[in-house]
């Protein structure tokens, strides 16, 4: 059963690399399909798993207390491994740090909206909206990539608005409230790219009075980022937030 699950993960990687459709049942495993344009001459595996891709023949797969060696075996059976030229990096074990990073920010508690018992939260994926046919935003397609209970909640990102007047913000609050009810994630987490978290959060609480809410701003995010929210600092009106960039688009 475990090997079958890992094989499904590797099939998703193959689908992205070769620009093929991902089965609906496996769509939640794909964070992003963004790839540079052009043909790929070869592939390099990095990180701890790569050691077992390049040096097969291990005997104890549970040697590190995880499924890394089994995942390596699945990659050796992949289409990418068969059809692309496999190159070996000079620093295989450490190469992953080139694609990951984290930074911490403190957000002022006087300009945000946070329900008393909503924090702390860990590993909250950032979800950007898509444009619907009627020109309005929808976060539902992105949220479906992070199903519960694998993810407790998601952070819905509000991009830069053309105007921040009251009617524009309440219109965004209407759209968010409707989609938050459909998504059902608890607590509701919203991250605005402009300094509107207080009024947007209060507007959302009027529409969802029984929902725990975290509505913040002042965080620079990108597709593929994850967020950790700590409890407010003692005797300070500030919320520490850690931004973890796990996947770079380029």
C-alpha atoms as a PDB file:
ATOM      1  CA  UNK A   1       0.000   0.000   0.000  1.00  0.00           C
ATOM      2  CA  UNK A   2       2.800   2.422   0.901  1.00  0.00           C
ATOM      3  CA  UNK A   3       4.671   1.700  -2.317  1.00  0.00           C
ATOM      4  CA  UNK A   4       1.479   2.324  -4.285  1.00  0.00           C
ATOM      5  CA  UNK A   5       1.069   5.745  -2.644  1.00  0.00           C
ATOM      6  CA  UNK A   6       4.664   6.688  -3.454  1.00  0.00           C
ATOM      7  CA  UNK A   7       4.204   5.524  -7.044  1.00  0.00           C
ATOM      8  CA  UNK A   8       1.212   7.865  -7.350  1.00  0.00           C
ATOM      9  CA  UNK A   9       3.350  10.758  -6.106  1.00  0.00           C
ATOM     10  CA  UNK A  10       6.022   9.999  -8.690  1.00  0.00           C
ATOM     11  CA  UNK A  11       3.418   9.747 -11.462  1.00  0.00           C
ATOM     12  CA  UNK A  12       2.372  13.306 -10.599  1.00  0.00           C
ATOM     13  CA  UNK A  13       5.970  14.458 -11.011  1.00  0.00           C
ATOM     14  CA  UNK A  14       6.120  12.730 -14.397  1.00  0.00           C
ATOM     15  CA  UNK A  15       2.866  14.388 -15.431  1.00  0.00           C
ATOM     16  CA  UNK A  16       4.227  17.852 -14.626  1.00  0.00           C
ATOM     17  CA  UNK A  17       7.594  17.218 -16.317  1.00  0.00           C
ATOM     18  CA  UNK A  18       6.003  15.882 -19.497  1.00  0.00           C
ATOM     19  CA  UNK A  19       3.036  18.310 -19.448  1.00  0.00           C
ATOM     20  CA  UNK A  20       0.376  15.623 -19.131  1.00  0.00           C
ATOM     21  CA  UNK A  21      -2.953  15.627 -17.339  1.00  0.00           C
ATOM     22  CA  UNK A  22      -2.966  14.655 -13.669  1.00  0.00           C
ATOM     23  CA  UNK A  23      -5.762  12.235 -12.654  1.00  0.00           C
ATOM     24  CA  UNK A  24      -8.447  13.903 -10.575  1.00  0.00           C
ATOM     25  CA  UNK A  25      -7.791  11.571  -7.653  1.00  0.00           C
ATOM     26  CA  UNK A  26      -4.151  12.702  -7.524  1.00  0.00           C
ATOM     27  CA  UNK A  27      -4.601  16.425  -8.227  1.00  0.00           C
ATOM     28  CA  UNK A  28      -4.229  17.282  -4.527  1.00  0.00           C
ATOM     29  CA  UNK A  29      -0.610  16.075  -4.671  1.00  0.00           C
ATOM     30  CA  UNK A  30       0.393  18.777  -7.184  1.00  0.00           C
ATOM     31  CA  UNK A  31       1.309  22.171  -5.721  1.00  0.00           C
ATOM     32  CA  UNK A  32       2.235  23.861  -9.013  1.00  0.00           C
ATOM     33  CA  UNK A  33       2.552  22.985 -12.700  1.00  0.00           C
ATOM     34  CA  UNK A  34       4.763  25.967 -13.520  1.00  0.00           C
ATOM     35  CA  UNK A  35       7.828  24.881 -15.512  1.00  0.00           C
ATOM     36  CA  UNK A  36      10.312  26.806 -17.689  1.00  0.00           C
ATOM     37  CA  UNK A  37       9.547  26.610 -21.390  1.00  0.00           C
ATOM     38  CA  UNK A  38      11.627  24.359 -23.628  1.00  0.00           C
ATOM     39  CA  UNK A  39      12.780  20.769 -23.919  1.00  0.00           C
ATOM     40  CA  UNK A  40      14.634  19.063 -21.073  1.00  0.00           C
ATOM     41  CA  UNK A  41      17.844  17.245 -21.893  1.00  0.00           C
ATOM     42  CA  UNK A  42      18.265  15.718 -18.464  1.00  0.00           C
ATOM     43  CA  UNK A  43      17.300  15.686 -14.813  1.00  0.00           C
ATOM     44  CA  UNK A  44      19.118  16.055 -11.468  1.00  0.00           C
ATOM     45  CA  UNK A  45      17.800  14.646  -8.192  1.00  0.00           C
ATOM     46  CA  UNK A  46      18.725  16.552  -5.030  1.00  0.00           C
ATOM     47  CA  UNK A  47      18.278  16.166  -1.304  1.00  0.00           C
ATOM     48  CA  UNK A  48      18.597  13.151   0.961  1.00  0.00           C
ATOM     49  CA  UNK A  49      16.370  10.933  -1.200  1.00  0.00           C
ATOM     50  CA  UNK A  50      18.740  11.427  -4.147  1.00  0.00           C
ATOM     51  CA  UNK A  51      21.461   9.490  -2.333  1.00  0.00           C
ATOM     52  CA  UNK A  52      19.350   6.343  -2.666  1.00  0.00           C
ATOM     53  CA  UNK A  53      18.443   7.128  -6.272  1.00  0.00           C
ATOM     54  CA  UNK A  54      22.091   7.310  -7.290  1.00  0.00           C
ATOM     55  CA  UNK A  55      23.293   4.578  -4.932  1.00  0.00           C
ATOM     56  CA  UNK A  56      20.680   1.791  -4.973  1.00  0.00           C
ATOM     57  CA  UNK A  57      21.065  -1.519  -3.215  1.00  0.00           C
ATOM     58  CA  UNK A  58      20.278  -0.467   0.359  1.00  0.00           C
ATOM     59  CA  UNK A  59      18.899  -3.199   2.603  1.00  0.00           C
ATOM     60  CA  UNK A  60      17.004  -1.433   5.388  1.00  0.00           C
ATOM     61  CA  UNK A  61      14.480   1.068   4.000  1.00  0.00           C
ATOM     62  CA  UNK A  62      13.569   2.393   7.486  1.00  0.00           C
ATOM     63  CA  UNK A  63      17.166   3.419   8.221  1.00  0.00           C
ATOM     64  CA  UNK A  64      16.233   7.124   8.635  1.00  0.00           C
ATOM     65  CA  UNK A  65      12.787   6.614  10.118  1.00  0.00           C
ATOM     66  CA  UNK A  66      11.028   7.802   6.941  1.00  0.00           C
ATOM     67  CA  UNK A  67      10.078   6.614   3.455  1.00  0.00           C
ATOM     68  CA  UNK A  68      13.008   8.269   1.682  1.00  0.00           C
ATOM     69  CA  UNK A  69      14.618   5.047   0.358  1.00  0.00           C
ATOM     70  CA  UNK A  70      11.243   3.754  -0.856  1.00  0.00           C
ATOM     71  CA  UNK A  71      10.586   7.067  -2.610  1.00  0.00           C
ATOM     72  CA  UNK A  72      13.985   6.752  -4.287  1.00  0.00           C
ATOM     73  CA  UNK A  73      13.006   3.310  -5.562  1.00  0.00           C
ATOM     74  CA  UNK A  74       9.794   4.766  -6.983  1.00  0.00           C
ATOM     75  CA  UNK A  75      11.759   7.491  -8.796  1.00  0.00           C
ATOM     76  CA  UNK A  76      14.064   4.865 -10.322  1.00  0.00           C
ATOM     77  CA  UNK A  77      10.947   3.321 -11.870  1.00  0.00           C
ATOM     78  CA  UNK A  78       9.640   6.669 -13.149  1.00  0.00           C
ATOM     79  CA  UNK A  79       9.296   7.776 -16.754  1.00  0.00           C
ATOM     80  CA  UNK A  80      11.628  10.705 -16.053  1.00  0.00           C
ATOM     81  CA  UNK A  81      14.368   8.326 -14.881  1.00  0.00           C
ATOM     82  CA  UNK A  82      13.893   6.125 -17.958  1.00  0.00           C
ATOM     83  CA  UNK A  83      13.559   8.750 -20.686  1.00  0.00           C
ATOM     84  CA  UNK A  84      15.715  11.665 -19.488  1.00  0.00           C
ATOM     85  CA  UNK A  85      19.473  11.661 -19.006  1.00  0.00           C
ATOM     86  CA  UNK A  86      20.103  11.437 -15.274  1.00  0.00           C
ATOM     87  CA  UNK A  87      22.882  13.735 -14.011  1.00  0.00           C
ATOM     88  CA  UNK A  88      24.350  13.548 -10.525  1.00  0.00           C
ATOM     89  CA  UNK A  89      24.936  16.728  -8.541  1.00  0.00           C
ATOM     90  CA  UNK A  90      28.300  17.267  -6.891  1.00  0.00           C
ATOM     91  CA  UNK A  91      26.631  17.968  -3.506  1.00  0.00           C
ATOM     92  CA  UNK A  92      23.549  15.786  -3.611  1.00  0.00           C
ATOM     93  CA  UNK A  93      22.635  15.768   0.066  1.00  0.00           C
ATOM     94  CA  UNK A  94      22.802  19.550   0.555  1.00  0.00           C
ATOM     95  CA  UNK A  95      21.392  20.774  -2.735  1.00  0.00           C
ATOM     96  CA  UNK A  96      17.827  21.096  -1.428  1.00  0.00           C
ATOM     97  CA  UNK A  97      18.685  24.223   0.577  1.00  0.00           C
ATOM     98  CA  UNK A  98      18.890  26.102  -2.723  1.00  0.00           C
ATOM     99  CA  UNK A  99      15.134  25.726  -3.068  1.00  0.00           C
ATOM    100  CA  UNK A 100      13.964  26.417   0.457  1.00  0.00           C
ATOM    101  CA  UNK A 101      14.059  29.294   2.887  1.00  0.00           C
ATOM    102  CA  UNK A 102      12.238  30.945   5.754  1.00  0.00           C
ATOM    103  CA  UNK A 103      11.900  34.375   7.287  1.00  0.00           C
ATOM    104  CA  UNK A 104      10.025  35.748  10.283  1.00  0.00           C
ATOM    105  CA  UNK A 105       7.979  38.937  10.555  1.00  0.00           C
ATOM    106  CA  UNK A 106       6.076  40.513  13.433  1.00  0.00           C
ATOM    107  CA  UNK A 107       2.688  41.918  12.472  1.00  0.00           C
ATOM    108  CA  UNK A 108       1.180  44.732  14.507  1.00  0.00           C
ATOM    109  CA  UNK A 109      -1.878  43.588  16.411  1.00  0.00           C
ATOM    110  CA  UNK A 110      -3.552  46.997  16.121  1.00  0.00           C
ATOM    111  CA  UNK A 111      -4.021  46.727  12.347  1.00  0.00           C
ATOM    112  CA  UNK A 112      -5.161  43.111  11.996  1.00  0.00           C
ATOM    113  CA  UNK A 113      -8.135  40.956  13.001  1.00  0.00           C
ATOM    114  CA  UNK A 114      -7.423  37.763  14.974  1.00  0.00           C
ATOM    115  CA  UNK A 115      -9.979  35.753  16.940  1.00  0.00           C
ATOM    116  CA  UNK A 116      -8.863  35.073  20.542  1.00  0.00           C
ATOM    117  CA  UNK A 117      -8.378  31.295  20.230  1.00  0.00           C
ATOM    118  CA  UNK A 118      -7.418  30.969  16.555  1.00  0.00           C
ATOM    119  CA  UNK A 119      -3.655  30.809  17.079  1.00  0.00           C
ATOM    120  CA  UNK A 120      -1.176  29.146  16.856  1.00  0.00           C
ATOM    121  CA  UNK A 121      -1.278  27.653  13.350  1.00  0.00           C
ATOM    122  CA  UNK A 122       1.383  25.732  11.469  1.00  0.00           C
ATOM    123  CA  UNK A 123       2.014  24.831   7.833  1.00  0.00           C
ATOM    124  CA  UNK A 124      -0.800  26.908   6.339  1.00  0.00           C
ATOM    125  CA  UNK A 125      -0.476  26.956   2.534  1.00  0.00           C
ATOM    126  CA  UNK A 126      -0.950  30.255   0.681  1.00  0.00           C
ATOM    127  CA  UNK A 127      -3.736  30.055  -1.922  1.00  0.00           C
ATOM    128  CA  UNK A 128      -3.993  32.686  -4.645  1.00  0.00           C
ATOM    129  CA  UNK A 129      -7.280  33.392  -6.433  1.00  0.00           C
ATOM    130  CA  UNK A 130      -8.126  32.714 -10.038  1.00  0.00           C
ATOM    131  CA  UNK A 131     -10.339  34.871 -12.256  1.00  0.00           C
ATOM    132  CA  UNK A 132     -13.821  33.490 -12.917  1.00  0.00           C
ATOM    133  CA  UNK A 133     -15.653  33.959 -16.202  1.00  0.00           C
ATOM    134  CA  UNK A 134     -17.590  36.855 -14.645  1.00  0.00           C
ATOM    135  CA  UNK A 135     -14.329  38.624 -13.778  1.00  0.00           C
ATOM    136  CA  UNK A 136     -14.514  38.003 -10.016  1.00  0.00           C
ATOM    137  CA  UNK A 137     -11.996  36.116  -7.914  1.00  0.00           C
ATOM    138  CA  UNK A 138     -12.329  32.508  -6.781  1.00  0.00           C
ATOM    139  CA  UNK A 139     -10.062  30.677  -4.339  1.00  0.00           C
ATOM    140  CA  UNK A 140     -11.825  27.317  -4.615  1.00  0.00           C
ATOM    141  CA  UNK A 141      -9.587  25.706  -7.294  1.00  0.00           C
ATOM    142  CA  UNK A 142      -6.441  26.476  -5.328  1.00  0.00           C
ATOM    143  CA  UNK A 143      -7.944  25.395  -2.008  1.00  0.00           C
ATOM    144  CA  UNK A 144      -8.824  21.991  -3.481  1.00  0.00           C
ATOM    145  CA  UNK A 145      -5.088  21.286  -3.773  1.00  0.00           C
ATOM    146  CA  UNK A 146      -4.869  21.236   0.039  1.00  0.00           C
ATOM    147  CA  UNK A 147      -7.712  18.983   1.230  1.00  0.00           C
ATOM    148  CA  UNK A 148      -8.662  18.436   4.820  1.00  0.00           C
ATOM    149  CA  UNK A 149      -7.668  16.672   7.023  1.00  0.00           C
ATOM    150  CA  UNK A 150      -4.194  16.754   5.452  1.00  0.00           C
ATOM    151  CA  UNK A 151      -4.266  20.519   5.964  1.00  0.00           C
ATOM    152  CA  UNK A 152      -6.137  22.097   8.831  1.00  0.00           C
ATOM    153  CA  UNK A 153      -6.759  25.300   6.912  1.00  0.00           C
ATOM    154  CA  UNK A 154      -5.506  27.441   4.029  1.00  0.00           C
ATOM    155  CA  UNK A 155      -4.575  31.127   3.752  1.00  0.00           C
ATOM    156  CA  UNK A 156      -6.616  32.912   1.092  1.00  0.00           C
ATOM    157  CA  UNK A 157      -4.510  35.664  -0.472  1.00  0.00           C
ATOM    158  CA  UNK A 158      -6.160  38.951  -1.466  1.00  0.00           C
ATOM    159  CA  UNK A 159      -4.004  40.482  -4.237  1.00  0.00           C
ATOM    160  CA  UNK A 160      -3.541  44.212  -4.692  1.00  0.00           C
ATOM    161  CA  UNK A 161      -6.896  45.919  -5.217  1.00  0.00           C
ATOM    162  CA  UNK A 162      -7.343  48.736  -7.747  1.00  0.00           C
ATOM    163  CA  UNK A 163      -9.019  50.758  -4.987  1.00  0.00           C
ATOM    164  CA  UNK A 164      -9.339  50.338  -1.243  1.00  0.00           C
ATOM    165  CA  UNK A 165     -12.574  52.264  -0.727  1.00  0.00           C
ATOM    166  CA  UNK A 166     -15.279  50.800   1.485  1.00  0.00           C
ATOM    167  CA  UNK A 167     -17.446  49.421  -1.340  1.00  0.00           C
ATOM    168  CA  UNK A 168     -14.498  47.569  -2.906  1.00  0.00           C
ATOM    169  CA  UNK A 169     -13.458  45.977   0.392  1.00  0.00           C
ATOM    170  CA  UNK A 170     -16.993  44.924   1.292  1.00  0.00           C
ATOM    171  CA  UNK A 171     -17.347  43.379  -2.177  1.00  0.00           C
ATOM    172  CA  UNK A 172     -14.205  41.325  -1.566  1.00  0.00           C
ATOM    173  CA  UNK A 173     -15.560  40.381   1.872  1.00  0.00           C
ATOM    174  CA  UNK A 174     -18.765  39.099   0.232  1.00  0.00           C
ATOM    175  CA  UNK A 175     -16.754  36.872  -2.141  1.00  0.00           C
ATOM    176  CA  UNK A 176     -14.464  35.633   0.631  1.00  0.00           C
ATOM    177  CA  UNK A 177     -17.322  34.869   3.010  1.00  0.00           C
ATOM    178  CA  UNK A 178     -19.160  32.824   0.390  1.00  0.00           C
ATOM    179  CA  UNK A 179     -16.094  30.793  -0.528  1.00  0.00           C
ATOM    180  CA  UNK A 180     -14.928  30.326   3.067  1.00  0.00           C
ATOM    181  CA  UNK A 181     -18.254  28.662   3.823  1.00  0.00           C
ATOM    182  CA  UNK A 182     -17.720  26.296   0.896  1.00  0.00           C
ATOM    183  CA  UNK A 183     -14.093  25.554   1.757  1.00  0.00           C
ATOM    184  CA  UNK A 184     -14.965  25.005   5.415  1.00  0.00           C
ATOM    185  CA  UNK A 185     -11.408  25.470   6.675  1.00  0.00           C
ATOM    186  CA  UNK A 186     -11.083  26.355  10.377  1.00  0.00           C
ATOM    187  CA  UNK A 187     -10.055  28.896  11.336  1.00  0.00           C
ATOM    188  CA  UNK A 188     -10.577  31.112   8.307  1.00  0.00           C
ATOM    189  CA  UNK A 189      -7.248  32.695   7.311  1.00  0.00           C
ATOM    190  CA  UNK A 190      -6.997  35.689   4.956  1.00  0.00           C
ATOM    191  CA  UNK A 191      -3.822  37.548   3.994  1.00  0.00           C
ATOM    192  CA  UNK A 192      -4.232  40.891   2.220  1.00  0.00           C
ATOM    193  CA  UNK A 193      -1.431  42.376   0.150  1.00  0.00           C
ATOM    194  CA  UNK A 194      -2.470  45.909   1.172  1.00  0.00           C
ATOM    195  CA  UNK A 195      -2.997  47.596   4.541  1.00  0.00           C
ATOM    196  CA  UNK A 196      -6.674  46.623   4.811  1.00  0.00           C
ATOM    197  CA  UNK A 197      -6.682  43.704   7.266  1.00  0.00           C
ATOM    198  CA  UNK A 198      -8.576  45.561  10.005  1.00  0.00           C
ATOM    199  CA  UNK A 199     -11.526  46.696   7.918  1.00  0.00           C
ATOM    200  CA  UNK A 200     -11.563  43.522   5.817  1.00  0.00           C
ATOM    201  CA  UNK A 201     -11.476  41.341   8.922  1.00  0.00           C
ATOM    202  CA  UNK A 202     -14.272  43.273  10.615  1.00  0.00           C
ATOM    203  CA  UNK A 203     -16.346  42.998   7.426  1.00  0.00           C
ATOM    204  CA  UNK A 204     -15.803  39.238   7.370  1.00  0.00           C
ATOM    205  CA  UNK A 205     -16.790  38.867  11.030  1.00  0.00           C
ATOM    206  CA  UNK A 206     -20.092  40.610  10.273  1.00  0.00           C
ATOM    207  CA  UNK A 207     -20.751  38.028   7.559  1.00  0.00           C
ATOM    208  CA  UNK A 208     -19.374  35.035   9.468  1.00  0.00           C
ATOM    209  CA  UNK A 209     -19.994  35.912  13.130  1.00  0.00           C
ATOM    210  CA  UNK A 210     -19.379  32.398  14.461  1.00  0.00           C
ATOM    211  CA  UNK A 211     -16.228  31.668  12.474  1.00  0.00           C
ATOM    212  CA  UNK A 212     -12.776  32.006  14.038  1.00  0.00           C
ATOM    213  CA  UNK A 213     -10.807  34.363  11.821  1.00  0.00           C
ATOM    214  CA  UNK A 214      -7.202  35.367  11.184  1.00  0.00           C
ATOM    215  CA  UNK A 215      -7.012  38.357   8.828  1.00  0.00           C
ATOM    216  CA  UNK A 216      -3.582  39.946   8.431  1.00  0.00           C
ATOM    217  CA  UNK A 217      -1.575  42.036   5.992  1.00  0.00           C
ATOM    218  CA  UNK A 218       1.989  43.228   5.534  1.00  0.00           C
ATOM    219  CA  UNK A 219       3.357  39.815   4.438  1.00  0.00           C
ATOM    220  CA  UNK A 220       5.123  39.373   1.101  1.00  0.00           C
ATOM    221  CA  UNK A 221       4.049  35.972  -0.240  1.00  0.00           C
ATOM    222  CA  UNK A 222       4.527  33.911  -3.367  1.00  0.00           C
ATOM    223  CA  UNK A 223       2.916  30.813  -4.819  1.00  0.00           C
ATOM    224  CA  UNK A 224       4.117  27.771  -2.881  1.00  0.00           C
ATOM    225  CA  UNK A 225       4.686  29.583   0.430  1.00  0.00           C
ATOM    226  CA  UNK A 226       3.525  28.173   3.773  1.00  0.00           C
ATOM    227  CA  UNK A 227       2.826  30.145   6.945  1.00  0.00           C
ATOM    228  CA  UNK A 228       3.263  29.540  10.668  1.00  0.00           C
ATOM    229  CA  UNK A 229       1.331  31.860  13.013  1.00  0.00           C
ATOM    230  CA  UNK A 230       2.419  32.047  16.656  1.00  0.00           C
ATOM    231  CA  UNK A 231       0.380  33.359  19.550  1.00  0.00           C
ATOM    232  CA  UNK A 232       0.644  37.114  20.165  1.00  0.00           C
ATOM    233  CA  UNK A 233       3.760  38.064  22.092  1.00  0.00           C
ATOM    234  CA  UNK A 234       3.230  38.657  25.846  1.00  0.00           C
ATOM    235  CA  UNK A 235       2.580  42.309  26.668  1.00  0.00           C
ATOM    236  CA  UNK A 236       2.841  43.213  22.966  1.00  0.00           C
ATOM    237  CA  UNK A 237       0.245  43.698  20.245  1.00  0.00           C
ATOM    238  CA  UNK A 238       2.212  41.734  17.660  1.00  0.00           C
ATOM    239  CA  UNK A 239       1.802  38.323  16.002  1.00  0.00           C
ATOM    240  CA  UNK A 240       4.996  36.496  14.882  1.00  0.00           C
ATOM    241  CA  UNK A 241       4.602  34.922  11.432  1.00  0.00           C
ATOM    242  CA  UNK A 242       7.101  32.595   9.768  1.00  0.00           C
ATOM    243  CA  UNK A 243       6.992  32.450   5.959  1.00  0.00           C
ATOM    244  CA  UNK A 244       8.385  29.185   4.548  1.00  0.00           C
ATOM    245  CA  UNK A 245       9.186  29.158   0.860  1.00  0.00           C
ATOM    246  CA  UNK A 246       9.360  25.494  -0.075  1.00  0.00           C
ATOM    247  CA  UNK A 247       9.023  25.665  -3.853  1.00  0.00           C
ATOM    248  CA  UNK A 248      10.475  28.256  -6.225  1.00  0.00           C
ATOM    249  CA  UNK A 249       8.743  28.855  -9.560  1.00  0.00           C
ATOM    250  CA  UNK A 250      12.115  29.400 -11.244  1.00  0.00           C
END
